[in-house]
Protein backbone atom coordinates (compact mmCIF):
# COMPACT_ATOMS: atom_id res chain seq x y z
CA UNK A 1 169.60 24.64 31.73
CA UNK A 2 171.94 27.47 30.78
CA UNK A 3 174.79 27.62 33.31
CA UNK A 4 176.72 30.20 31.32
CA UNK A 5 174.99 32.91 33.34
CA UNK A 6 177.41 32.13 36.21
CA UNK A 7 180.23 33.48 34.05
CA UNK A 8 178.84 36.97 34.65
CA UNK A 9 179.44 38.97 37.87
CA UNK A 10 175.76 40.03 37.90
CA UNK A 11 174.70 36.41 38.55
CA UNK A 12 177.02 36.03 41.54
CA UNK A 13 175.97 39.40 42.96
CA UNK A 14 172.31 38.37 42.66
CA UNK A 15 173.06 34.98 44.25
CA UNK A 16 174.95 36.55 47.17
CA UNK A 17 172.24 39.15 47.76
CA UNK A 18 169.45 36.57 47.68
CA UNK A 19 171.35 34.20 49.98
CA UNK A 20 171.90 36.97 52.53
CA UNK A 21 168.23 37.93 52.28
CA UNK A 22 167.02 34.35 52.74
CA UNK A 23 169.23 33.80 55.80
CA UNK A 24 168.26 37.08 57.49
CA UNK A 25 164.56 36.59 56.82
CA UNK A 26 164.85 32.96 57.92
CA UNK A 27 165.55 33.90 61.53
CA UNK A 28 161.87 34.32 62.39
CA UNK A 29 161.13 31.02 60.64
CA UNK A 30 163.72 29.22 62.77
CA UNK A 31 162.16 30.65 65.93
CA UNK A 32 158.70 29.49 64.85
CA UNK A 33 160.03 26.00 64.02
CA UNK A 34 161.67 25.79 67.45
CA UNK A 35 158.45 26.74 69.23
CA UNK A 36 156.30 24.40 67.13
CA UNK A 37 158.50 21.31 67.39
CA UNK A 38 158.83 21.83 71.15
CA UNK A 39 155.29 20.40 71.35
CA UNK A 40 156.46 17.13 69.80
CA UNK A 41 157.75 14.20 71.86
CA UNK A 42 161.47 14.63 72.52
CA UNK A 43 162.45 11.73 70.24
CA UNK A 44 160.57 13.26 67.29
CA UNK A 45 161.73 16.87 67.59
CA UNK A 46 164.95 16.33 65.61
CA UNK A 47 163.20 14.71 62.62
CA UNK A 48 160.29 17.17 62.87
CA UNK A 49 162.58 20.17 62.44
CA UNK A 50 164.26 18.71 59.38
CA UNK A 51 161.09 17.44 57.75
CA UNK A 52 159.57 20.87 58.31
CA UNK A 53 162.53 22.56 56.65
CA UNK A 54 162.49 20.08 53.75
CA UNK A 55 158.80 20.77 53.26
CA UNK A 56 159.51 24.49 53.42
CA UNK A 57 162.20 24.03 50.74
CA UNK A 58 159.74 22.26 48.47
CA UNK A 59 157.14 24.98 49.03
CA UNK A 60 159.58 27.76 48.19
CA UNK A 61 160.87 26.07 45.01
CA UNK A 62 157.28 25.45 43.90
CA UNK A 63 156.49 29.05 44.78
CA UNK A 64 159.42 30.35 42.74
CA UNK A 65 158.44 28.20 39.75
CA UNK A 66 155.34 30.33 39.37
CA UNK A 67 157.35 33.55 39.07
CA UNK A 68 154.96 35.07 36.53
CA UNK A 69 152.06 34.49 38.93
CA UNK A 70 153.94 36.06 41.83
CA UNK A 71 154.25 39.34 39.97
CA UNK A 72 150.46 39.64 40.02
CA UNK A 73 150.02 38.63 43.66
CA UNK A 74 150.26 42.32 44.58
CA UNK A 75 147.33 43.31 42.33
CA UNK A 76 144.25 44.18 44.46
CA UNK A 77 141.49 41.58 44.44
CA UNK A 78 139.01 43.95 46.05
CA UNK A 79 138.87 47.29 47.83
CA UNK A 80 136.89 48.54 50.84
CA UNK A 81 134.95 51.65 49.79
CA UNK A 82 135.40 54.69 51.99
CA UNK A 83 138.40 53.29 53.89
CA UNK A 84 141.67 55.01 53.07
CA UNK A 85 145.27 54.39 54.11
CA UNK A 86 147.03 57.65 53.36
CA UNK A 87 145.65 58.78 50.01
CA UNK A 88 144.80 55.34 48.60
CA UNK A 89 141.67 53.30 49.14
CA UNK A 90 142.29 50.19 51.21
CA UNK A 91 142.51 47.13 48.98
CA UNK A 92 143.63 43.54 49.49
CA UNK A 93 145.68 41.40 47.14
CA UNK A 94 146.52 37.68 47.52
CA UNK A 95 149.76 38.73 49.22
CA UNK A 96 147.89 41.03 51.64
CA UNK A 97 145.42 38.31 52.63
CA UNK A 98 148.20 35.79 53.25
CA UNK A 99 150.07 38.31 55.41
CA UNK A 100 146.91 39.34 57.27
CA UNK A 101 145.81 35.83 58.28
CA UNK A 102 149.38 34.62 58.79
CA UNK A 103 150.20 37.61 60.99
CA UNK A 104 147.01 37.15 63.02
CA UNK A 105 147.91 33.50 63.59
CA UNK A 106 151.42 34.43 64.75
CA UNK A 107 150.00 36.93 67.24
CA UNK A 108 147.59 34.30 68.57
CA UNK A 109 150.28 31.59 68.67
CA UNK A 110 152.79 33.83 70.45
CA UNK A 111 150.35 35.04 73.10
CA UNK A 112 149.09 31.52 73.85
CA UNK A 113 152.63 30.19 74.14
CA UNK A 114 153.72 33.08 76.40
CA UNK A 115 150.77 32.40 78.70
CA UNK A 116 151.73 28.74 78.76
CA UNK A 117 155.38 29.47 79.51
CA UNK A 118 154.44 31.84 82.32
CA UNK A 119 152.59 28.98 83.99
CA UNK A 120 148.96 29.90 83.36
CA UNK A 121 148.39 26.32 82.14
CA UNK A 122 149.71 24.81 85.38
CA UNK A 123 146.25 24.71 86.99
CA UNK A 124 145.00 22.44 84.22
CA UNK A 125 148.03 20.22 84.63
CA UNK A 126 147.46 20.00 88.39
CA UNK A 127 143.85 18.95 87.75
CA UNK A 128 144.85 16.02 85.59
CA UNK A 129 145.39 17.52 82.13
CA UNK A 130 149.06 16.60 82.16
CA UNK A 131 151.53 16.37 79.29
CA UNK A 132 148.89 16.86 76.59
CA UNK A 133 148.85 20.61 77.25
CA UNK A 134 152.48 20.82 76.19
CA UNK A 135 152.77 17.85 73.79
CA UNK A 136 149.62 18.28 71.75
CA UNK A 137 151.06 18.10 68.22
CA UNK A 138 151.64 15.05 66.07
CA UNK A 139 154.58 14.90 63.65
CA UNK A 140 152.45 15.36 60.47
CA UNK A 141 150.56 18.32 61.95
CA UNK A 142 153.81 19.97 63.12
CA UNK A 143 155.39 19.57 59.66
CA UNK A 144 152.23 20.88 57.96
CA UNK A 145 152.13 23.89 60.31
CA UNK A 146 155.79 24.68 59.60
CA UNK A 147 155.23 24.44 55.82
CA UNK A 148 152.19 26.72 55.87
CA UNK A 149 153.85 29.31 58.09
CA UNK A 150 157.01 29.20 55.96
CA UNK A 151 154.80 30.30 53.09
CA UNK A 152 153.76 33.33 55.15
CA UNK A 153 157.33 34.10 56.26
CA UNK A 154 158.79 33.68 52.77
CA UNK A 155 156.21 35.43 50.62
CA UNK A 156 157.97 38.80 50.72
CA UNK A 157 161.45 37.34 50.24
CA UNK A 158 160.26 35.21 47.32
CA UNK A 159 158.58 38.16 45.61
CA UNK A 160 161.76 40.17 46.22
CA UNK A 161 163.82 37.33 44.74
CA UNK A 162 161.75 37.46 41.58
CA UNK A 163 162.49 41.17 41.32
CA UNK A 164 166.21 40.87 42.11
CA UNK A 165 167.16 37.89 39.96
CA UNK A 166 166.29 37.23 36.34
CA UNK A 167 167.05 33.48 36.36
CA UNK A 168 165.10 30.83 38.27
CA UNK A 169 168.21 28.70 38.88
CA UNK A 170 169.80 31.54 40.90
CA UNK A 171 166.70 31.85 43.09
CA UNK A 172 166.50 28.09 43.69
CA UNK A 173 170.22 27.80 44.57
CA UNK A 174 169.91 30.68 47.08
CA UNK A 175 166.87 29.07 48.72
CA UNK A 176 168.50 25.61 48.87
CA UNK A 177 171.74 26.91 50.42
CA UNK A 178 169.79 28.97 52.98
CA UNK A 179 167.66 25.94 53.97
CA UNK A 180 170.79 23.75 54.30
CA UNK A 181 172.36 26.36 56.62
CA UNK A 182 169.14 26.41 58.67
CA UNK A 183 169.22 22.60 58.93
CA UNK A 184 172.76 22.73 60.29
CA UNK A 185 171.93 25.19 63.06
CA UNK A 186 168.26 24.44 63.83
CA UNK A 187 168.97 21.86 66.58
CA UNK A 188 171.43 24.03 68.50
CA UNK A 189 169.15 27.08 68.20
CA UNK A 190 166.07 25.09 69.29
CA UNK A 191 167.85 23.42 72.20
CA UNK A 192 169.22 26.76 73.40
CA UNK A 193 165.81 28.45 73.22
CA UNK A 194 164.06 25.58 74.98
CA UNK A 195 166.75 25.29 77.68
CA UNK A 196 166.48 28.94 78.71
CA UNK A 197 163.02 30.18 79.62
CA UNK A 198 164.03 33.83 79.28
CA UNK A 199 165.20 33.19 75.71
CA UNK A 200 161.99 31.35 74.90
CA UNK A 201 159.90 34.28 76.12
CA UNK A 202 162.09 36.64 74.06
CA UNK A 203 161.59 34.42 71.01
CA UNK A 204 157.82 34.39 71.53
CA UNK A 205 157.74 38.19 71.86
CA UNK A 206 159.66 38.28 68.57
CA UNK A 207 157.01 36.03 66.97
CA UNK A 208 154.19 38.30 68.19
CA UNK A 209 156.02 41.41 66.96
CA UNK A 210 156.57 39.87 63.52
CA UNK A 211 152.87 38.99 63.46
CA UNK A 212 151.95 42.62 64.17
CA UNK A 213 154.30 43.77 61.40
CA UNK A 214 152.72 41.33 58.94
CA UNK A 215 149.22 42.57 59.78
CA UNK A 216 150.31 46.21 59.39
CA UNK A 217 152.03 45.35 56.12
CA UNK A 218 148.85 43.71 54.82
CA UNK A 219 147.04 46.99 55.55
CA UNK A 220 149.81 48.93 53.75
CA UNK A 221 150.76 50.77 56.94
CA UNK A 222 154.52 51.30 56.77
CA UNK A 223 157.15 53.99 56.47
CA UNK A 224 157.80 53.27 52.79
CA UNK A 225 161.54 52.92 53.49
CA UNK A 226 162.93 49.66 52.09
CA UNK A 227 166.37 48.02 52.24
CA UNK A 228 166.86 44.81 50.20
CA UNK A 229 163.10 44.41 49.95
CA UNK A 230 162.56 44.72 53.72
CA UNK A 231 160.57 47.54 55.26
CA UNK A 232 162.43 49.80 57.67
CA UNK A 233 160.12 48.72 60.49
CA UNK A 234 161.18 45.08 60.13
CA UNK A 235 164.86 46.02 60.16
CA UNK A 236 164.27 48.01 63.33
CA UNK A 237 162.58 45.00 64.96
CA UNK A 238 165.49 42.75 63.97
CA UNK A 239 167.96 45.27 65.36
CA UNK A 240 166.01 45.60 68.61
CA UNK A 241 165.82 41.82 68.99
CA UNK A 242 169.56 41.45 68.42
CA UNK A 243 170.20 44.06 71.12
CA UNK A 244 167.78 42.27 73.48
CA UNK A 245 169.49 38.90 72.86
CA UNK A 246 172.94 40.39 73.47
CA UNK A 247 171.70 41.99 76.69
CA UNK A 248 170.15 38.68 77.81
CA UNK A 249 173.39 36.81 77.07
CA UNK A 250 175.37 39.36 79.11
CA UNK A 251 172.93 38.97 82.00
CA UNK A 252 173.17 35.18 81.81
CA UNK A 253 176.94 35.38 81.82
CA UNK A 254 176.89 37.86 84.75
């Protein structure tokens, strides 16, 4: 392993950029982890969050190890004749299919959870279907769900990492540091979201919105404006969610 690359400023710039990108794009992953582990028994939520993040770390490192394969994940596997997005015929690559099905699952997951939070599942609970409606996940299934959805959340950031950095060690270090930071804050974030219903609903709306963006991205419907590998639409959603959270915090304080 050649560590002499860290003697160059380019390596540190790449590392800092990738770390920032991983942390920013990890926000939606943290929200999803919080919602998923909330369905675990209280005594298993702590370990579930960390096992999920460790599994996500392994998935990302494995993903990055196939850098040459990632470059070709954007090549169309097939096209739909007669269907055009702009001036190009609609086609789907491996990346597009992952985003399409992952986005659809996030939309479904968010809507179901919002309905549950709003009390539409209370009738079932009153009729005898008690805690199972809220605690329906086992630890292995929760960890597996987090790992699979991390793949969906991270696919764009990983592909971007391959384009931004020339050395695998830089990509792996950025991912590891970002996951460690997530591990430090995941409990406080999850507890805060679960303790405040209004924040949980806001987080679920965020999940649904990200799902819609992923589906649109899979169909190549976007503005074409990118900053650090992120489409302008996603940055706008992040900005809107930050404003909504700040407003909610002000209201809570008031």
